[in-house]
Amino acid sequence: MTARSQARSPGTGNPNGPTSARIDVWLWSVRQIKSRSAATSACKAGHVRINGESAKPAQHVRVGDEVRYRVDGFDRFLRVRALLRKRVGAPLARTAYEDLSPPRP
């Protein structure tokens, strides 16, 4: 792998796994949003924040980051526990985040 390709895809040269993932891919991978294009649209509309800052679709998320996104008028608060770049089954997806959201009324 060349230095140029490593610069384009952060975390791929690490033998222990990726160190970051795009926020739109991660939200889709952990089954919070139904499609990647919907995740991209949510980021562009300003409905996704990482550590309190508005997130663009290509912004990278790391383990330990707090992600907030708005769905159906309510905010979901998630703490990243694992990085996923491919969509996985629901039981495995639930282990990739910690849900810190308050219960809905």
C-alpha atoms as a PDB file:
ATOM      1  CA  MET A   1       0.000   0.000   0.000  1.00  0.00           C
ATOM      2  CA  THR A   2       1.428   3.364  -0.959  1.00  0.00           C
ATOM      3  CA  ALA A   3       1.562   6.445   1.225  1.00  0.00           C
ATOM      4  CA  ARG A   4      -0.989   8.101  -1.025  1.00  0.00           C
ATOM      5  CA  SER A   5      -3.584   5.340  -0.624  1.00  0.00           C
ATOM      6  CA  GLN A   6      -3.026   5.297   3.161  1.00  0.00           C
ATOM      7  CA  ALA A   7      -3.707   9.040   3.264  1.00  0.00           C
ATOM      8  CA  ARG A   8      -7.024   8.554   1.472  1.00  0.00           C
ATOM      9  CA  SER A   9      -8.255   5.758   3.734  1.00  0.00           C
ATOM     10  CA  PRO A  10      -7.235   6.380   7.342  1.00  0.00           C
ATOM     11  CA  GLY A  11      -6.797   3.381   9.561  1.00  0.00           C
ATOM     12  CA  THR A  12      -6.366   0.757   6.849  1.00  0.00           C
ATOM     13  CA  GLY A  13      -2.641   0.255   7.506  1.00  0.00           C
ATOM     14  CA  ASN A  14      -3.194  -0.650  11.165  1.00  0.00           C
ATOM     15  CA  PRO A  15      -2.876  -4.431  11.754  1.00  0.00           C
ATOM     16  CA  ASN A  16      -5.181  -4.168  14.800  1.00  0.00           C
ATOM     17  CA  GLY A  17      -8.056  -2.834  12.707  1.00  0.00           C
ATOM     18  CA  PRO A  18      -9.253   0.591  11.621  1.00  0.00           C
ATOM     19  CA  THR A  19      -8.730   3.589  13.872  1.00  0.00           C
ATOM     20  CA  SER A  20     -11.598   5.609  12.399  1.00  0.00           C
ATOM     21  CA  ALA A  21     -14.606   5.326  10.102  1.00  0.00           C
ATOM     22  CA  ARG A  22     -16.788   7.792   8.216  1.00  0.00           C
ATOM     23  CA  ILE A  23     -19.789   8.845  10.284  1.00  0.00           C
ATOM     24  CA  ASP A  24     -22.304   8.144   7.503  1.00  0.00           C
ATOM     25  CA  VAL A  25     -20.895   4.630   7.001  1.00  0.00           C
ATOM     26  CA  TRP A  26     -20.795   3.959  10.743  1.00  0.00           C
ATOM     27  CA  LEU A  27     -24.423   5.027  11.318  1.00  0.00           C
ATOM     28  CA  TRP A  28     -25.517   2.779   8.459  1.00  0.00           C
ATOM     29  CA  SER A  29     -23.315  -0.114   9.647  1.00  0.00           C
ATOM     30  CA  VAL A  30     -24.729  -0.115  13.184  1.00  0.00           C
ATOM     31  CA  ARG A  31     -28.274  -0.065  11.785  1.00  0.00           C
ATOM     32  CA  GLN A  32     -29.281   3.350  13.109  1.00  0.00           C
ATOM     33  CA  ILE A  33     -30.209   4.637   9.643  1.00  0.00           C
ATOM     34  CA  LYS A  34     -31.684   2.435   6.907  1.00  0.00           C
ATOM     35  CA  SER A  35     -29.404   3.436   4.026  1.00  0.00           C
ATOM     36  CA  ARG A  36     -26.066   5.082   3.579  1.00  0.00           C
ATOM     37  CA  SER A  37     -27.592   7.772   1.380  1.00  0.00           C
ATOM     38  CA  ALA A  38     -30.082   8.580   4.163  1.00  0.00           C
ATOM     39  CA  ALA A  39     -27.174   8.835   6.616  1.00  0.00           C
ATOM     40  CA  THR A  40     -25.377  11.193   4.234  1.00  0.00           C
ATOM     41  CA  SER A  41     -28.507  13.318   3.901  1.00  0.00           C
ATOM     42  CA  ALA A  42     -28.935  13.463   7.690  1.00  0.00           C
ATOM     43  CA  CYS A  43     -25.362  14.731   8.049  1.00  0.00           C
ATOM     44  CA  LYS A  44     -25.820  17.339   5.326  1.00  0.00           C
ATOM     45  CA  ALA A  45     -29.060  18.528   6.963  1.00  0.00           C
ATOM     46  CA  GLY A  46     -27.247  19.075  10.271  1.00  0.00           C
ATOM     47  CA  HIS A  47     -28.979  16.267  12.192  1.00  0.00           C
ATOM     48  CA  VAL A  48     -25.724  14.535  13.201  1.00  0.00           C
ATOM     49  CA  ARG A  49     -23.149  15.808  15.707  1.00  0.00           C
ATOM     50  CA  ILE A  50     -19.877  14.287  16.888  1.00  0.00           C
ATOM     51  CA  ASN A  51     -18.699  15.433  20.324  1.00  0.00           C
ATOM     52  CA  GLY A  52     -21.032  18.436  20.113  1.00  0.00           C
ATOM     53  CA  GLU A  53     -19.798  19.617  16.699  1.00  0.00           C
ATOM     54  CA  SER A  54     -21.885  19.416  13.528  1.00  0.00           C
ATOM     55  CA  ALA A  55     -20.666  16.531  11.356  1.00  0.00           C
ATOM     56  CA  LYS A  56     -20.184  16.333   7.615  1.00  0.00           C
ATOM     57  CA  PRO A  57     -20.767  12.923   5.967  1.00  0.00           C
ATOM     58  CA  ALA A  58     -17.042  12.275   5.413  1.00  0.00           C
ATOM     59  CA  GLN A  59     -16.025  13.216   8.968  1.00  0.00           C
ATOM     60  CA  HIS A  60     -14.354  10.373  10.827  1.00  0.00           C
ATOM     61  CA  VAL A  61     -15.539   8.935  14.114  1.00  0.00           C
ATOM     62  CA  ARG A  62     -13.258   7.110  16.590  1.00  0.00           C
ATOM     63  CA  VAL A  63     -13.852   4.790  19.534  1.00  0.00           C
ATOM     64  CA  GLY A  64     -14.994   6.834  22.518  1.00  0.00           C
ATOM     65  CA  ASP A  65     -16.629   9.618  20.481  1.00  0.00           C
ATOM     66  CA  GLU A  66     -20.172  10.664  21.339  1.00  0.00           C
ATOM     67  CA  VAL A  67     -22.573  10.811  18.408  1.00  0.00           C
ATOM     68  CA  ARG A  68     -25.904  12.611  18.554  1.00  0.00           C
ATOM     69  CA  TYR A  69     -28.429  12.377  15.774  1.00  0.00           C
ATOM     70  CA  ARG A  70     -32.023  13.457  15.462  1.00  0.00           C
ATOM     71  CA  VAL A  71     -34.663  10.931  14.467  1.00  0.00           C
ATOM     72  CA  ASP A  72     -38.426  11.530  14.511  1.00  0.00           C
ATOM     73  CA  GLY A  73     -38.000  14.755  16.498  1.00  0.00           C
ATOM     74  CA  PHE A  74     -35.952  13.111  19.272  1.00  0.00           C
ATOM     75  CA  ASP A  75     -32.208  13.045  19.805  1.00  0.00           C
ATOM     76  CA  ARG A  76     -30.333   9.743  20.110  1.00  0.00           C
ATOM     77  CA  PHE A  77     -27.054   9.828  22.035  1.00  0.00           C
ATOM     78  CA  LEU A  78     -24.575   7.056  21.221  1.00  0.00           C
ATOM     79  CA  ARG A  79     -21.027   6.403  22.410  1.00  0.00           C
ATOM     80  CA  VAL A  80     -18.858   4.592  19.857  1.00  0.00           C
ATOM     81  CA  ARG A  81     -17.531   1.296  21.247  1.00  0.00           C
ATOM     82  CA  ALA A  82     -16.387  -0.346  17.998  1.00  0.00           C
ATOM     83  CA  LEU A  83     -15.804   0.750  14.422  1.00  0.00           C
ATOM     84  CA  LEU A  84     -17.718  -0.987  11.677  1.00  0.00           C
ATOM     85  CA  ARG A  85     -17.435  -0.312   7.971  1.00  0.00           C
ATOM     86  CA  LYS A  86     -19.748  -3.062   6.739  1.00  0.00           C
ATOM     87  CA  ARG A  87     -23.372  -3.617   7.694  1.00  0.00           C
ATOM     88  CA  VAL A  88     -23.683  -6.458  10.186  1.00  0.00           C
ATOM     89  CA  GLY A  89     -26.480  -8.291  11.953  1.00  0.00           C
ATOM     90  CA  ALA A  90     -28.476  -6.520  14.653  1.00  0.00           C
ATOM     91  CA  PRO A  91     -26.984  -8.402  17.661  1.00  0.00           C
ATOM     92  CA  LEU A  92     -23.432  -7.582  16.546  1.00  0.00           C
ATOM     93  CA  ALA A  93     -24.384  -3.995  15.629  1.00  0.00           C
ATOM     94  CA  ARG A  94     -25.688  -3.379  19.173  1.00  0.00           C
ATOM     95  CA  THR A  95     -22.242  -4.158  20.597  1.00  0.00           C
ATOM     96  CA  ALA A  96     -20.654  -1.358  18.512  1.00  0.00           C
ATOM     97  CA  TYR A  97     -22.328   1.456  20.487  1.00  0.00           C
ATOM     98  CA  GLU A  98     -23.592   2.356  23.921  1.00  0.00           C
ATOM     99  CA  ASP A  99     -27.015   3.999  23.901  1.00  0.00           C
ATOM    100  CA  LEU A 100     -27.055   6.979  26.272  1.00  0.00           C
ATOM    101  CA  SER A 101     -30.429   8.328  25.114  1.00  0.00           C
ATOM    102  CA  PRO A 102     -33.004   9.253  27.736  1.00  0.00           C
ATOM    103  CA  PRO A 103     -36.238   7.254  27.482  1.00  0.00           C
ATOM    104  CA  ARG A 104     -38.898   8.763  25.245  1.00  0.00           C
ATOM    105  CA  PRO A 105     -41.996  10.137  26.972  1.00  0.00           C
END
